[in-house]
Amino acid sequence: MTTAPRVDIADTRGQTTALTVTGDLDLQAVAVFHHTVADVLSEHPTVILDLTGVTFCDSSGLNTLLRLRRRAQEVGGRLVLVAPPRQMLRLLSVTGAVSVFTIHGSLAEAWEAIPASDPPPTA
């Protein structure tokens, strides 16, 4: 049974937003996931996806990540992956997609790697 993905905003700093993703990224669930992340990309060109809570990812989930990566590049940003689960990391590795994504082990590590030209918002 598919667990519909849930996407929540974890943090926003300047032009970058971090999203936490939980649930499955499969054929039945990726349309909503794609739409949600694409909407965020329209306002924040760099998106960090914390994938710690992803329970399953199939080829349609991978395809969606690749499409979102291309969309981020089109708007002058990037798509960064954080802590993909073992099954998802294996899928990325077997397909060679691991080489096109920036992947970090933790959300804190991903934030540290964001260029200084993307300053945090002032309060």
C-alpha atoms as a PDB file:
ATOM      1  CA  MET A   1       0.000   0.000   0.000  1.00  0.00           C
ATOM      2  CA  THR A   2       1.322   3.419  -0.962  1.00  0.00           C
ATOM      3  CA  THR A   3       1.846   6.008   1.716  1.00  0.00           C
ATOM      4  CA  ALA A   4       1.154   9.373   0.090  1.00  0.00           C
ATOM      5  CA  PRO A   5       4.179  11.627   0.433  1.00  0.00           C
ATOM      6  CA  ARG A   6       4.013  14.515   2.825  1.00  0.00           C
ATOM      7  CA  VAL A   7       6.123  17.585   2.115  1.00  0.00           C
ATOM      8  CA  ASP A   8       6.666  20.148   4.860  1.00  0.00           C
ATOM      9  CA  ILE A   9       8.772  23.292   4.946  1.00  0.00           C
ATOM     10  CA  ALA A  10      11.574  22.789   7.460  1.00  0.00           C
ATOM     11  CA  ASP A  11      13.341  26.140   7.000  1.00  0.00           C
ATOM     12  CA  THR A  12      13.797  28.982   4.537  1.00  0.00           C
ATOM     13  CA  ARG A  13      16.929  31.091   4.298  1.00  0.00           C
ATOM     14  CA  GLY A  14      17.198  33.648   1.523  1.00  0.00           C
ATOM     15  CA  GLN A  15      16.589  31.919  -1.813  1.00  0.00           C
ATOM     16  CA  THR A  16      16.816  28.424  -0.284  1.00  0.00           C
ATOM     17  CA  THR A  17      14.075  26.330   1.264  1.00  0.00           C
ATOM     18  CA  ALA A  18      14.507  22.996   3.014  1.00  0.00           C
ATOM     19  CA  LEU A  19      11.644  20.534   2.741  1.00  0.00           C
ATOM     20  CA  THR A  20      11.120  17.340   4.698  1.00  0.00           C
ATOM     21  CA  VAL A  21       9.624  14.504   2.679  1.00  0.00           C
ATOM     22  CA  THR A  22       7.916  11.491   4.229  1.00  0.00           C
ATOM     23  CA  GLY A  23       6.122   8.562   2.619  1.00  0.00           C
ATOM     24  CA  ASP A  24       6.478   6.821  -0.736  1.00  0.00           C
ATOM     25  CA  LEU A  25       7.741   8.318  -3.992  1.00  0.00           C
ATOM     26  CA  ASP A  26       6.125   5.939  -6.446  1.00  0.00           C
ATOM     27  CA  LEU A  27       3.880   6.095  -9.505  1.00  0.00           C
ATOM     28  CA  GLN A  28       0.737   6.666  -7.435  1.00  0.00           C
ATOM     29  CA  ALA A  29       2.261   9.483  -5.375  1.00  0.00           C
ATOM     30  CA  VAL A  30       4.742  11.465  -7.458  1.00  0.00           C
ATOM     31  CA  ALA A  31       2.302  13.847  -9.170  1.00  0.00           C
ATOM     32  CA  VAL A  32       1.437  15.600  -5.911  1.00  0.00           C
ATOM     33  CA  PHE A  33       5.088  15.553  -4.814  1.00  0.00           C
ATOM     34  CA  HIS A  34       6.244  17.068  -8.111  1.00  0.00           C
ATOM     35  CA  HIS A  35       3.593  19.788  -8.031  1.00  0.00           C
ATOM     36  CA  THR A  36       4.397  20.731  -4.414  1.00  0.00           C
ATOM     37  CA  VAL A  37       8.163  20.971  -4.925  1.00  0.00           C
ATOM     38  CA  ALA A  38       7.802  22.751  -8.292  1.00  0.00           C
ATOM     39  CA  ASP A  39       5.656  25.397  -6.573  1.00  0.00           C
ATOM     40  CA  VAL A  40       8.381  25.960  -3.976  1.00  0.00           C
ATOM     41  CA  LEU A  41      11.013  26.187  -6.734  1.00  0.00           C
ATOM     42  CA  SER A  42       9.055  29.011  -8.342  1.00  0.00           C
ATOM     43  CA  GLU A  43       9.753  31.156  -5.273  1.00  0.00           C
ATOM     44  CA  HIS A  44      12.974  29.628  -3.929  1.00  0.00           C
ATOM     45  CA  PRO A  45      15.301  28.426  -6.695  1.00  0.00           C
ATOM     46  CA  THR A  46      17.340  26.206  -4.388  1.00  0.00           C
ATOM     47  CA  VAL A  47      15.524  23.426  -2.583  1.00  0.00           C
ATOM     48  CA  ILE A  48      17.008  21.020  -0.070  1.00  0.00           C
ATOM     49  CA  LEU A  49      15.006  17.789   0.179  1.00  0.00           C
ATOM     50  CA  ASP A  50      15.393  15.981   3.496  1.00  0.00           C
ATOM     51  CA  LEU A  51      14.546  12.426   2.447  1.00  0.00           C
ATOM     52  CA  THR A  52      15.039  10.778   5.831  1.00  0.00           C
ATOM     53  CA  GLY A  53      11.338   9.905   6.019  1.00  0.00           C
ATOM     54  CA  VAL A  54      10.976   8.451   2.524  1.00  0.00           C
ATOM     55  CA  THR A  55       9.861   4.831   2.873  1.00  0.00           C
ATOM     56  CA  PHE A  56      10.078   3.795  -0.796  1.00  0.00           C
ATOM     57  CA  CYS A  57      11.194   5.234  -4.133  1.00  0.00           C
ATOM     58  CA  ASP A  58      10.702   3.602  -7.523  1.00  0.00           C
ATOM     59  CA  SER A  59      11.737   4.688 -11.022  1.00  0.00           C
ATOM     60  CA  SER A  60       8.889   7.205 -11.229  1.00  0.00           C
ATOM     61  CA  GLY A  61      10.146   8.802  -8.006  1.00  0.00           C
ATOM     62  CA  LEU A  62      13.654   8.942  -9.449  1.00  0.00           C
ATOM     63  CA  ASN A  63      12.334  10.438 -12.693  1.00  0.00           C
ATOM     64  CA  THR A  64      10.477  13.075 -10.688  1.00  0.00           C
ATOM     65  CA  LEU A  65      13.651  13.990  -8.785  1.00  0.00           C
ATOM     66  CA  LEU A  66      15.509  14.348 -12.089  1.00  0.00           C
ATOM     67  CA  ARG A  67      12.734  16.566 -13.507  1.00  0.00           C
ATOM     68  CA  LEU A  68      12.778  18.724 -10.381  1.00  0.00           C
ATOM     69  CA  ARG A  69      16.567  18.991 -10.613  1.00  0.00           C
ATOM     70  CA  ARG A  70      16.230  20.249 -14.185  1.00  0.00           C
ATOM     71  CA  ARG A  71      13.530  22.719 -13.101  1.00  0.00           C
ATOM     72  CA  ALA A  72      15.797  24.043 -10.343  1.00  0.00           C
ATOM     73  CA  GLN A  73      18.587  24.568 -12.873  1.00  0.00           C
ATOM     74  CA  GLU A  74      16.178  26.391 -15.212  1.00  0.00           C
ATOM     75  CA  VAL A  75      15.403  28.930 -12.477  1.00  0.00           C
ATOM     76  CA  GLY A  76      19.078  29.364 -11.547  1.00  0.00           C
ATOM     77  CA  GLY A  77      19.041  27.155  -8.475  1.00  0.00           C
ATOM     78  CA  ARG A  78      19.651  23.568  -7.549  1.00  0.00           C
ATOM     79  CA  LEU A  79      18.072  20.554  -5.925  1.00  0.00           C
ATOM     80  CA  VAL A  80      20.010  19.087  -3.007  1.00  0.00           C
ATOM     81  CA  LEU A  81      19.227  15.690  -1.484  1.00  0.00           C
ATOM     82  CA  VAL A  82      19.707  14.919   2.203  1.00  0.00           C
ATOM     83  CA  ALA A  83      19.975  11.466   3.754  1.00  0.00           C
ATOM     84  CA  PRO A  84      18.241   9.344   1.133  1.00  0.00           C
ATOM     85  CA  PRO A  85      17.327   5.966   2.663  1.00  0.00           C
ATOM     86  CA  ARG A  86      19.389   2.913   1.713  1.00  0.00           C
ATOM     87  CA  GLN A  87      16.921   1.651  -0.928  1.00  0.00           C
ATOM     88  CA  MET A  88      16.750   5.071  -2.570  1.00  0.00           C
ATOM     89  CA  LEU A  89      20.527   5.515  -2.472  1.00  0.00           C
ATOM     90  CA  ARG A  90      20.886   2.121  -4.146  1.00  0.00           C
ATOM     91  CA  LEU A  91      18.470   3.215  -6.900  1.00  0.00           C
ATOM     92  CA  LEU A  92      20.456   6.425  -7.389  1.00  0.00           C
ATOM     93  CA  SER A  93      23.711   4.442  -7.531  1.00  0.00           C
ATOM     94  CA  VAL A  94      22.532   1.669  -9.870  1.00  0.00           C
ATOM     95  CA  THR A  95      21.128   4.180 -12.357  1.00  0.00           C
ATOM     96  CA  GLY A  96      24.137   6.511 -12.171  1.00  0.00           C
ATOM     97  CA  ALA A  97      21.899   9.357 -10.987  1.00  0.00           C
ATOM     98  CA  VAL A  98      23.970   9.648  -7.824  1.00  0.00           C
ATOM     99  CA  SER A  99      26.538  11.559  -9.887  1.00  0.00           C
ATOM    100  CA  VAL A 100      24.107  14.328 -10.907  1.00  0.00           C
ATOM    101  CA  PHE A 101      22.819  15.156  -7.429  1.00  0.00           C
ATOM    102  CA  THR A 102      24.481  16.872  -4.518  1.00  0.00           C
ATOM    103  CA  ILE A 103      23.837  14.567  -1.576  1.00  0.00           C
ATOM    104  CA  HIS A 104      24.504  15.347   2.076  1.00  0.00           C
ATOM    105  CA  GLY A 105      24.235  13.158   5.144  1.00  0.00           C
ATOM    106  CA  SER A 106      22.315  15.681   7.232  1.00  0.00           C
ATOM    107  CA  LEU A 107      20.269  18.828   6.903  1.00  0.00           C
ATOM    108  CA  ALA A 108      22.865  20.762   8.911  1.00  0.00           C
ATOM    109  CA  GLU A 109      25.587  19.636   6.486  1.00  0.00           C
ATOM    110  CA  ALA A 110      23.474  20.745   3.517  1.00  0.00           C
ATOM    111  CA  TRP A 111      22.886  24.197   5.025  1.00  0.00           C
ATOM    112  CA  GLU A 112      26.607  24.601   5.649  1.00  0.00           C
ATOM    113  CA  ALA A 113      27.288  23.901   1.976  1.00  0.00           C
ATOM    114  CA  ILE A 114      24.906  26.598   0.673  1.00  0.00           C
ATOM    115  CA  PRO A 115      26.961  29.391  -0.940  1.00  0.00           C
ATOM    116  CA  ALA A 116      27.475  32.572   1.048  1.00  0.00           C
ATOM    117  CA  SER A 117      25.821  34.458  -1.824  1.00  0.00           C
ATOM    118  CA  ASP A 118      22.532  33.070  -0.527  1.00  0.00           C
ATOM    119  CA  PRO A 119      22.379  34.912   2.799  1.00  0.00           C
ATOM    120  CA  PRO A 120      19.824  34.069   5.456  1.00  0.00           C
ATOM    121  CA  PRO A 121      16.892  36.483   5.703  1.00  0.00           C
ATOM    122  CA  THR A 122      17.111  39.308   8.197  1.00  0.00           C
ATOM    123  CA  ALA A 123      14.582  39.280  11.008  1.00  0.00           C
END
